[in-house]
Every structure is written in structure tokens, then in C-alpha cells.
Amino acid sequence: IFAPSKREKGVDPNLVVEKLRNIMVDSQVHIVK
């Protein structure tokens, strides 16, 4: 749980969520697969 707070450099979780959202809402993944 606390590992992210000990990193001096890393990845913003908001960026990860946005990337995942873009992947999963694509029409070829979400609707016509």
C-alpha cells in the first residue's frame, strides 16, 4: 500500500487510469469485438 510513497520517480496513477479507459472503451473492444 505504501510502496508508491517511497518512490522518488514513478508513474502518475491518473495517467494509468486514462490509458486503461482509452483501451477499454474503444468500439472494437467494447462493442464489436
PDB file of all heavy atoms in Angstrom:
ATOM      1  N   ILE A   1       0.825  -1.209   0.000  1.00  0.00           N
ATOM      2  CA  ILE A   1       0.000   0.000   0.000  1.00  0.00           C
ATOM      3  C   ILE A   1       0.859   1.258   0.000  1.00  0.00           C
ATOM      4  O   ILE A   1       0.582   2.225  -0.718  1.00  0.00           O
ATOM      5  CB  ILE A   1      -0.957  -0.004   1.216  1.00  0.00           C
ATOM      6  CG1 ILE A   1      -2.004  -1.114   1.050  1.00  0.00           C
ATOM      7  CG2 ILE A   1      -1.633   1.356   1.374  1.00  0.00           C
ATOM      8  CD1 ILE A   1      -2.884  -1.303   2.266  1.00  0.00           C
ATOM      9  N   PHE A   2       1.934   1.250   0.788  1.00  0.00           N
ATOM     10  CA  PHE A   2       2.739   2.463   0.955  1.00  0.00           C
ATOM     11  C   PHE A   2       3.946   2.536   0.018  1.00  0.00           C
ATOM     12  O   PHE A   2       4.652   3.557   0.008  1.00  0.00           O
ATOM     13  CB  PHE A   2       3.213   2.588   2.412  1.00  0.00           C
ATOM     14  CG  PHE A   2       2.116   2.987   3.358  1.00  0.00           C
ATOM     15  CD1 PHE A   2       1.425   2.034   4.087  1.00  0.00           C
ATOM     16  CD2 PHE A   2       1.748   4.317   3.498  1.00  0.00           C
ATOM     17  CE1 PHE A   2       0.397   2.389   4.944  1.00  0.00           C
ATOM     18  CE2 PHE A   2       0.732   4.691   4.359  1.00  0.00           C
ATOM     19  CZ  PHE A   2       0.050   3.721   5.079  1.00  0.00           C
ATOM     20  N   ALA A   3       4.165   1.491  -0.772  1.00  0.00           N
ATOM     21  CA  ALA A   3       5.317   1.485  -1.678  1.00  0.00           C
ATOM     22  C   ALA A   3       5.356   2.697  -2.608  1.00  0.00           C
ATOM     23  O   ALA A   3       6.435   3.284  -2.822  1.00  0.00           O
ATOM     24  CB  ALA A   3       5.332   0.188  -2.487  1.00  0.00           C
ATOM     25  N   PRO A   4       4.212   3.136  -3.197  1.00  0.00           N
ATOM     26  CA  PRO A   4       4.264   4.304  -4.095  1.00  0.00           C
ATOM     27  C   PRO A   4       4.782   5.568  -3.423  1.00  0.00           C
ATOM     28  O   PRO A   4       5.351   6.440  -4.101  1.00  0.00           O
ATOM     29  CB  PRO A   4       2.803   4.473  -4.532  1.00  0.00           C
ATOM     30  CG  PRO A   4       2.217   3.111  -4.408  1.00  0.00           C
ATOM     31  CD  PRO A   4       2.865   2.517  -3.196  1.00  0.00           C
ATOM     32  N   SER A   5       4.614   5.703  -2.105  1.00  0.00           N
ATOM     33  CA  SER A   5       5.050   6.916  -1.411  1.00  0.00           C
ATOM     34  C   SER A   5       6.556   6.942  -1.169  1.00  0.00           C
ATOM     35  O   SER A   5       7.106   7.969  -0.764  1.00  0.00           O
ATOM     36  CB  SER A   5       4.319   7.029  -0.067  1.00  0.00           C
ATOM     37  OG  SER A   5       4.711   5.973   0.806  1.00  0.00           O
ATOM     38  N   LYS A   6       7.226   5.819  -1.438  1.00  0.00           N
ATOM     39  CA  LYS A   6       8.665   5.735  -1.195  1.00  0.00           C
ATOM     40  C   LYS A   6       9.475   5.914  -2.472  1.00  0.00           C
ATOM     41  O   LYS A   6      10.709   5.831  -2.439  1.00  0.00           O
ATOM     42  CB  LYS A   6       8.989   4.391  -0.544  1.00  0.00           C
ATOM     43  CG  LYS A   6       8.289   4.187   0.801  1.00  0.00           C
ATOM     44  CD  LYS A   6       8.566   2.802   1.377  1.00  0.00           C
ATOM     45  CE  LYS A   6       7.814   2.617   2.701  1.00  0.00           C
ATOM     46  NZ  LYS A   6       8.048   1.268   3.280  1.00  0.00           N
ATOM     47  N   ARG A   7       8.790   6.139  -3.595  1.00  0.00           N
ATOM     48  CA  ARG A   7       9.499   6.300  -4.866  1.00  0.00           C
ATOM     49  C   ARG A   7       9.743   7.778  -5.154  1.00  0.00           C
ATOM     50  O   ARG A   7       8.852   8.603  -4.994  1.00  0.00           O
ATOM     51  CB  ARG A   7       8.689   5.674  -6.003  1.00  0.00           C
ATOM     52  CG  ARG A   7       8.489   4.182  -5.849  1.00  0.00           C
ATOM     53  CD  ARG A   7       7.849   3.559  -7.084  1.00  0.00           C
ATOM     54  NE  ARG A   7       7.645   2.132  -6.859  1.00  0.00           N
ATOM     55  CZ  ARG A   7       6.466   1.565  -6.637  1.00  0.00           C
ATOM     56  NH1 ARG A   7       5.372   2.312  -6.639  1.00  0.00           N
ATOM     57  NH2 ARG A   7       6.378   0.268  -6.416  1.00  0.00           N
ATOM     58  N   GLU A   8      10.963   8.092  -5.578  1.00  0.00           N
ATOM     59  CA  GLU A   8      11.273   9.465  -5.956  1.00  0.00           C
ATOM     60  C   GLU A   8      10.857   9.750  -7.390  1.00  0.00           C
ATOM     61  O   GLU A   8      10.581  10.886  -7.752  1.00  0.00           O
ATOM     62  CB  GLU A   8      12.779   9.717  -5.786  1.00  0.00           C
ATOM     63  CG  GLU A   8      13.234   9.646  -4.331  1.00  0.00           C
ATOM     64  CD  GLU A   8      14.701   9.978  -4.180  1.00  0.00           C
ATOM     65  OE1 GLU A   8      15.334  10.324  -5.211  1.00  0.00           O
ATOM     66  OE2 GLU A   8      15.213   9.900  -3.055  1.00  0.00           O
ATOM     67  N   LYS A   9      10.824   8.708  -8.222  1.00  0.00           N
ATOM     68  CA  LYS A   9      10.366   8.824  -9.595  1.00  0.00           C
ATOM     69  C   LYS A   9       9.395   7.697  -9.875  1.00  0.00           C
ATOM     70  O   LYS A   9       9.539   6.590  -9.350  1.00  0.00           O
ATOM     71  CB  LYS A   9      11.536   8.747 -10.575  1.00  0.00           C
ATOM     72  CG  LYS A   9      12.522   9.893 -10.471  1.00  0.00           C
ATOM     73  CD  LYS A   9      13.634   9.749 -11.505  1.00  0.00           C
ATOM     74  CE  LYS A   9      14.615  10.905 -11.426  1.00  0.00           C
ATOM     75  NZ  LYS A   9      15.704  10.782 -12.441  1.00  0.00           N
ATOM     76  N   GLY A  10       8.389   8.002 -10.693  1.00  0.00           N
ATOM     77  CA  GLY A  10       7.418   6.964 -10.985  1.00  0.00           C
ATOM     78  C   GLY A  10       6.355   7.426 -11.956  1.00  0.00           C
ATOM     79  O   GLY A  10       6.555   8.384 -12.709  1.00  0.00           O
ATOM     80  N   VAL A  11       5.222   6.758 -11.905  1.00  0.00           N
ATOM     81  CA  VAL A  11       4.127   6.985 -12.846  1.00  0.00           C
ATOM     82  C   VAL A  11       2.903   7.500 -12.098  1.00  0.00           C
ATOM     83  O   VAL A  11       2.536   6.972 -11.043  1.00  0.00           O
ATOM     84  CB  VAL A  11       3.769   5.675 -13.585  1.00  0.00           C
ATOM     85  CG1 VAL A  11       2.589   5.889 -14.519  1.00  0.00           C
ATOM     86  CG2 VAL A  11       4.975   5.151 -14.345  1.00  0.00           C
ATOM     87  N   ASP A  12       2.287   8.529 -12.641  1.00  0.00           N
ATOM     88  CA  ASP A  12       1.068   9.097 -12.072  1.00  0.00           C
ATOM     89  C   ASP A  12      -0.080   8.097 -12.272  1.00  0.00           C
ATOM     90  O   ASP A  12      -0.347   7.674 -13.400  1.00  0.00           O
ATOM     91  CB  ASP A  12       0.740  10.412 -12.782  1.00  0.00           C
ATOM     92  CG  ASP A  12      -0.450  11.134 -12.167  1.00  0.00           C
ATOM     93  OD1 ASP A  12      -1.284  10.492 -11.499  1.00  0.00           O
ATOM     94  OD2 ASP A  12      -0.556  12.357 -12.386  1.00  0.00           O
ATOM     95  N   PRO A  13      -0.799   7.701 -11.216  1.00  0.00           N
ATOM     96  CA  PRO A  13      -1.898   6.744 -11.368  1.00  0.00           C
ATOM     97  C   PRO A  13      -3.012   7.256 -12.278  1.00  0.00           C
ATOM     98  O   PRO A  13      -3.690   6.459 -12.937  1.00  0.00           O
ATOM     99  CB  PRO A  13      -2.394   6.527  -9.935  1.00  0.00           C
ATOM    100  CG  PRO A  13      -1.931   7.723  -9.169  1.00  0.00           C
ATOM    101  CD  PRO A  13      -0.636   8.092  -9.806  1.00  0.00           C
ATOM    102  N   ASN A  14      -3.198   8.580 -12.327  1.00  0.00           N
ATOM    103  CA  ASN A  14      -4.222   9.138 -13.213  1.00  0.00           C
ATOM    104  C   ASN A  14      -3.897   8.840 -14.682  1.00  0.00           C
ATOM    105  O   ASN A  14      -4.802   8.603 -15.489  1.00  0.00           O
ATOM    106  CB  ASN A  14      -4.330  10.649 -13.010  1.00  0.00           C
ATOM    107  CG  ASN A  14      -4.937  10.998 -11.671  1.00  0.00           C
ATOM    108  OD1 ASN A  14      -6.099  10.727 -11.406  1.00  0.00           O
ATOM    109  ND2 ASN A  14      -4.131  11.586 -10.796  1.00  0.00           N
ATOM    110  N   LEU A  15      -2.618   8.835 -15.008  1.00  0.00           N
ATOM    111  CA  LEU A  15      -2.201   8.512 -16.368  1.00  0.00           C
ATOM    112  C   LEU A  15      -2.541   7.062 -16.701  1.00  0.00           C
ATOM    113  O   LEU A  15      -3.031   6.756 -17.799  1.00  0.00           O
ATOM    114  CB  LEU A  15      -0.695   8.745 -16.521  1.00  0.00           C
ATOM    115  CG  LEU A  15      -0.071   8.318 -17.855  1.00  0.00           C
ATOM    116  CD1 LEU A  15      -0.671   9.112 -19.007  1.00  0.00           C
ATOM    117  CD2 LEU A  15       1.448   8.466 -17.807  1.00  0.00           C
ATOM    118  N   VAL A  16      -2.311   6.164 -15.750  1.00  0.00           N
ATOM    119  CA  VAL A  16      -2.610   4.741 -15.955  1.00  0.00           C
ATOM    120  C   VAL A  16      -4.103   4.533 -16.167  1.00  0.00           C
ATOM    121  O   VAL A  16      -4.524   3.824 -17.086  1.00  0.00           O
ATOM    122  CB  VAL A  16      -2.113   3.909 -14.757  1.00  0.00           C
ATOM    123  CG1 VAL A  16      -2.611   2.468 -14.864  1.00  0.00           C
ATOM    124  CG2 VAL A  16      -0.594   3.939 -14.684  1.00  0.00           C
ATOM    125  N   VAL A  17      -4.918   5.165 -15.319  1.00  0.00           N
ATOM    126  CA  VAL A  17      -6.369   5.021 -15.439  1.00  0.00           C
ATOM    127  C   VAL A  17      -6.856   5.544 -16.782  1.00  0.00           C
ATOM    128  O   VAL A  17      -7.715   4.934 -17.432  1.00  0.00           O
ATOM    129  CB  VAL A  17      -7.082   5.750 -14.274  1.00  0.00           C
ATOM    130  CG1 VAL A  17      -8.592   5.799 -14.508  1.00  0.00           C
ATOM    131  CG2 VAL A  17      -6.779   5.052 -12.954  1.00  0.00           C
ATOM    132  N   GLU A  18      -6.307   6.665 -17.223  1.00  0.00           N
ATOM    133  CA  GLU A  18      -6.705   7.240 -18.510  1.00  0.00           C
ATOM    134  C   GLU A  18      -6.314   6.324 -19.668  1.00  0.00           C
ATOM    135  O   GLU A  18      -7.095   6.125 -20.605  1.00  0.00           O
ATOM    136  CB  GLU A  18      -6.062   8.612 -18.684  1.00  0.00           C
ATOM    137  CG  GLU A  18      -6.500   9.362 -19.934  1.00  0.00           C
ATOM    138  CD  GLU A  18      -7.973   9.720 -19.938  1.00  0.00           C
ATOM    139  OE1 GLU A  18      -8.571   9.798 -18.841  1.00  0.00           O
ATOM    140  OE2 GLU A  18      -8.533   9.927 -21.038  1.00  0.00           O
ATOM    141  N   LYS A  19      -5.128   5.748 -19.619  1.00  0.00           N
ATOM    142  CA  LYS A  19      -4.694   4.823 -20.656  1.00  0.00           C
ATOM    143  C   LYS A  19      -5.595   3.593 -20.707  1.00  0.00           C
ATOM    144  O   LYS A  19      -5.998   3.134 -21.780  1.00  0.00           O
ATOM    145  CB  LYS A  19      -3.240   4.405 -20.421  1.00  0.00           C
ATOM    146  CG  LYS A  19      -2.204   5.449 -20.833  1.00  0.00           C
ATOM    147  CD  LYS A  19      -0.797   4.923 -20.619  1.00  0.00           C
ATOM    148  CE  LYS A  19       0.247   5.885 -21.182  1.00  0.00           C
ATOM    149  NZ  LYS A  19       0.222   5.915 -22.653  1.00  0.00           N
ATOM    150  N   LEU A  20      -5.922   3.054 -19.540  1.00  0.00           N
ATOM    151  CA  LEU A  20      -6.801   1.881 -19.486  1.00  0.00           C
ATOM    152  C   LEU A  20      -8.183   2.209 -20.031  1.00  0.00           C
ATOM    153  O   LEU A  20      -8.782   1.413 -20.769  1.00  0.00           O
ATOM    154  CB  LEU A  20      -6.917   1.380 -18.043  1.00  0.00           C
ATOM    155  CG  LEU A  20      -5.675   0.699 -17.462  1.00  0.00           C
ATOM    156  CD1 LEU A  20      -5.833   0.501 -15.961  1.00  0.00           C
ATOM    157  CD2 LEU A  20      -5.422  -0.645 -18.139  1.00  0.00           C
ATOM    158  N   ARG A  21      -8.679   3.396 -19.677  1.00  0.00           N
ATOM    159  CA  ARG A  21     -10.006   3.804 -20.167  1.00  0.00           C
ATOM    160  C   ARG A  21     -10.010   3.886 -21.686  1.00  0.00           C
ATOM    161  O   ARG A  21     -10.934   3.401 -22.343  1.00  0.00           O
ATOM    162  CB  ARG A  21     -10.396   5.147 -19.556  1.00  0.00           C
ATOM    163  CG  ARG A  21     -11.797   5.620 -19.992  1.00  0.00           C
ATOM    164  CD  ARG A  21     -12.140   6.978 -19.403  1.00  0.00           C
ATOM    165  NE  ARG A  21     -12.209   6.923 -17.953  1.00  0.00           N
ATOM    166  CZ  ARG A  21     -11.383   7.555 -17.140  1.00  0.00           C
ATOM    167  NH1 ARG A  21     -10.395   8.295 -17.639  1.00  0.00           N
ATOM    168  NH2 ARG A  21     -11.517   7.461 -15.834  1.00  0.00           N
ATOM    169  N   ASN A  22      -8.980   4.480 -22.262  1.00  0.00           N
ATOM    170  CA  ASN A  22      -8.913   4.619 -23.710  1.00  0.00           C
ATOM    171  C   ASN A  22      -8.851   3.261 -24.411  1.00  0.00           C
ATOM    172  O   ASN A  22      -9.414   3.088 -25.494  1.00  0.00           O
ATOM    173  CB  ASN A  22      -7.696   5.461 -24.104  1.00  0.00           C
ATOM    174  CG  ASN A  22      -7.844   6.918 -23.722  1.00  0.00           C
ATOM    175  OD1 ASN A  22      -8.962   7.413 -23.553  1.00  0.00           O
ATOM    176  ND2 ASN A  22      -6.721   7.614 -23.564  1.00  0.00           N
ATOM    177  N   ILE A  23      -8.158   2.315 -23.789  1.00  0.00           N
ATOM    178  CA  ILE A  23      -8.066   0.972 -24.370  1.00  0.00           C
ATOM    179  C   ILE A  23      -9.427   0.266 -24.316  1.00  0.00           C
ATOM    180  O   ILE A  23      -9.875  -0.317 -25.308  1.00  0.00           O
ATOM    181  CB  ILE A  23      -7.017   0.128 -23.622  1.00  0.00           C
ATOM    182  CG1 ILE A  23      -5.615   0.706 -23.841  1.00  0.00           C
ATOM    183  CG2 ILE A  23      -7.070  -1.340 -24.075  1.00  0.00           C
ATOM    184  CD1 ILE A  23      -4.557   0.100 -22.929  1.00  0.00           C
ATOM    185  N   MET A  24     -10.091   0.341 -23.170  1.00  0.00           N
ATOM    186  CA  MET A  24     -11.277  -0.488 -22.943  1.00  0.00           C
ATOM    187  C   MET A  24     -12.552   0.079 -23.561  1.00  0.00           C
ATOM    188  O   MET A  24     -13.501  -0.670 -23.803  1.00  0.00           O
ATOM    189  CB  MET A  24     -11.480  -0.696 -21.439  1.00  0.00           C
ATOM    190  CG  MET A  24     -10.325  -1.434 -20.756  1.00  0.00           C
ATOM    191  SD  MET A  24      -9.946  -3.047 -21.495  1.00  0.00           S
ATOM    192  CE  MET A  24     -11.414  -3.968 -21.051  1.00  0.00           C
ATOM    193  N   VAL A  25     -12.613   1.391 -23.812  1.00  0.00           N
ATOM    194  CA  VAL A  25     -13.836   1.962 -24.401  1.00  0.00           C
ATOM    195  C   VAL A  25     -13.768   2.008 -25.920  1.00  0.00           C
ATOM    196  O   VAL A  25     -14.734   2.421 -26.570  1.00  0.00           O
ATOM    197  CB  VAL A  25     -14.129   3.382 -23.863  1.00  0.00           C
ATOM    198  CG1 VAL A  25     -14.294   3.369 -22.363  1.00  0.00           C
ATOM    199  CG2 VAL A  25     -13.052   4.381 -24.291  1.00  0.00           C
ATOM    200  N   ASP A  26     -12.672   1.581 -26.502  1.00  0.00           N
ATOM    201  CA  ASP A  26     -12.583   1.526 -27.957  1.00  0.00           C
ATOM    202  C   ASP A  26     -13.710   0.644 -28.492  1.00  0.00           C
ATOM    203  O   ASP A  26     -13.996  -0.425 -27.949  1.00  0.00           O
ATOM    204  CB  ASP A  26     -11.225   0.960 -28.366  1.00  0.00           C
ATOM    205  CG  ASP A  26     -11.007   1.029 -29.870  1.00  0.00           C
ATOM    206  OD1 ASP A  26     -11.512   0.144 -30.574  1.00  0.00           O
ATOM    207  OD2 ASP A  26     -10.339   1.967 -30.331  1.00  0.00           O
ATOM    208  N   SER A  27     -14.344   1.079 -29.565  1.00  0.00           N
ATOM    209  CA  SER A  27     -15.511   0.358 -30.089  1.00  0.00           C
ATOM    210  C   SER A  27     -15.188  -1.068 -30.501  1.00  0.00           C
ATOM    211  O   SER A  27     -16.044  -1.958 -30.428  1.00  0.00           O
ATOM    212  CB  SER A  27     -16.097   1.116 -31.291  1.00  0.00           C
ATOM    213  OG  SER A  27     -15.147   1.218 -32.346  1.00  0.00           O
ATOM    214  N   GLN A  28     -13.942  -1.332 -30.914  1.00  0.00           N
ATOM    215  CA  GLN A  28     -13.562  -2.671 -31.327  1.00  0.00           C
ATOM    216  C   GLN A  28     -13.259  -3.591 -30.151  1.00  0.00           C
ATOM    217  O   GLN A  28     -13.041  -4.783 -30.333  1.00  0.00           O
ATOM    218  CB  GLN A  28     -12.341  -2.599 -32.254  1.00  0.00           C
ATOM    219  CG  GLN A  28     -12.648  -1.946 -33.594  1.00  0.00           C
ATOM    220  CD  GLN A  28     -11.439  -1.937 -34.509  1.00  0.00           C
ATOM    221  OE1 GLN A  28     -10.351  -1.535 -34.106  1.00  0.00           O
ATOM    222  NE2 GLN A  28     -11.631  -2.386 -35.729  1.00  0.00           N
ATOM    223  N   VAL A  29     -13.259  -3.025 -28.964  1.00  0.00           N
ATOM    224  CA  VAL A  29     -13.048  -3.808 -27.746  1.00  0.00           C
ATOM    225  C   VAL A  29     -14.322  -3.869 -26.916  1.00  0.00           C
ATOM    226  O   VAL A  29     -14.645  -4.892 -26.313  1.00  0.00           O
ATOM    227  CB  VAL A  29     -11.902  -3.190 -26.902  1.00  0.00           C
ATOM    228  CG1 VAL A  29     -11.787  -3.879 -25.544  1.00  0.00           C
ATOM    229  CG2 VAL A  29     -10.589  -3.281 -27.657  1.00  0.00           C
ATOM    230  N   HIS A  30     -15.074  -2.782 -26.934  1.00  0.00           N
ATOM    231  CA  HIS A  30     -16.240  -2.653 -26.070  1.00  0.00           C
ATOM    232  C   HIS A  30     -17.543  -3.077 -26.751  1.00  0.00           C
ATOM    233  O   HIS A  30     -18.466  -3.556 -26.084  1.00  0.00           O
ATOM    234  CB  HIS A  30     -16.354  -1.205 -25.600  1.00  0.00           C
ATOM    235  CG  HIS A  30     -17.454  -0.950 -24.620  1.00  0.00           C
ATOM    236  ND1 HIS A  30     -17.533  -1.597 -23.408  1.00  0.00           N
ATOM    237  CD2 HIS A  30     -18.524  -0.121 -24.669  1.00  0.00           C
ATOM    238  CE1 HIS A  30     -18.612  -1.178 -22.754  1.00  0.00           C
ATOM    239  NE2 HIS A  30     -19.222  -0.292 -23.495  1.00  0.00           N
ATOM    240  N   ILE A  31     -17.637  -2.920 -28.073  1.00  0.00           N
ATOM    241  CA  ILE A  31     -18.919  -3.150 -28.755  1.00  0.00           C
ATOM    242  C   ILE A  31     -18.811  -4.261 -29.792  1.00  0.00           C
ATOM    243  O   ILE A  31     -19.393  -5.335 -29.632  1.00  0.00           O
ATOM    244  CB  ILE A  31     -19.423  -1.843 -29.410  1.00  0.00           C
ATOM    245  CG1 ILE A  31     -19.581  -0.743 -28.346  1.00  0.00           C
ATOM    246  CG2 ILE A  31     -20.761  -2.097 -30.117  1.00  0.00           C
ATOM    247  CD1 ILE A  31     -19.926   0.617 -28.901  1.00  0.00           C
ATOM    248  N   VAL A  32     -18.097  -4.012 -30.878  1.00  0.00           N
ATOM    249  CA  VAL A  32     -17.936  -5.009 -31.948  1.00  0.00           C
ATOM    250  C   VAL A  32     -16.527  -5.575 -31.830  1.00  0.00           C
ATOM    251  O   VAL A  32     -15.560  -4.937 -32.232  1.00  0.00           O
ATOM    252  CB  VAL A  32     -18.174  -4.383 -33.331  1.00  0.00           C
ATOM    253  CG1 VAL A  32     -18.014  -5.429 -34.427  1.00  0.00           C
ATOM    254  CG2 VAL A  32     -19.569  -3.759 -33.401  1.00  0.00           C
ATOM    255  N   LYS A  33     -16.419  -6.787 -31.293  1.00  0.00           N
ATOM    256  CA  LYS A  33     -15.125  -7.331 -30.915  1.00  0.00           C
ATOM    257  C   LYS A  33     -14.603  -8.317 -31.958  1.00  0.00           C
ATOM    258  O   LYS A  33     -15.352  -8.821 -32.784  1.00  0.00           O
ATOM    259  CB  LYS A  33     -15.248  -8.039 -29.558  1.00  0.00           C
ATOM    260  CG  LYS A  33     -15.914  -7.193 -28.495  1.00  0.00           C
ATOM    261  CD  LYS A  33     -16.318  -8.010 -27.284  1.00  0.00           C
ATOM    262  CE  LYS A  33     -17.168  -7.197 -26.329  1.00  0.00           C
ATOM    263  NZ  LYS A  33     -17.662  -7.996 -25.187  1.00  0.00           N
TER     264      LYS A  33
END
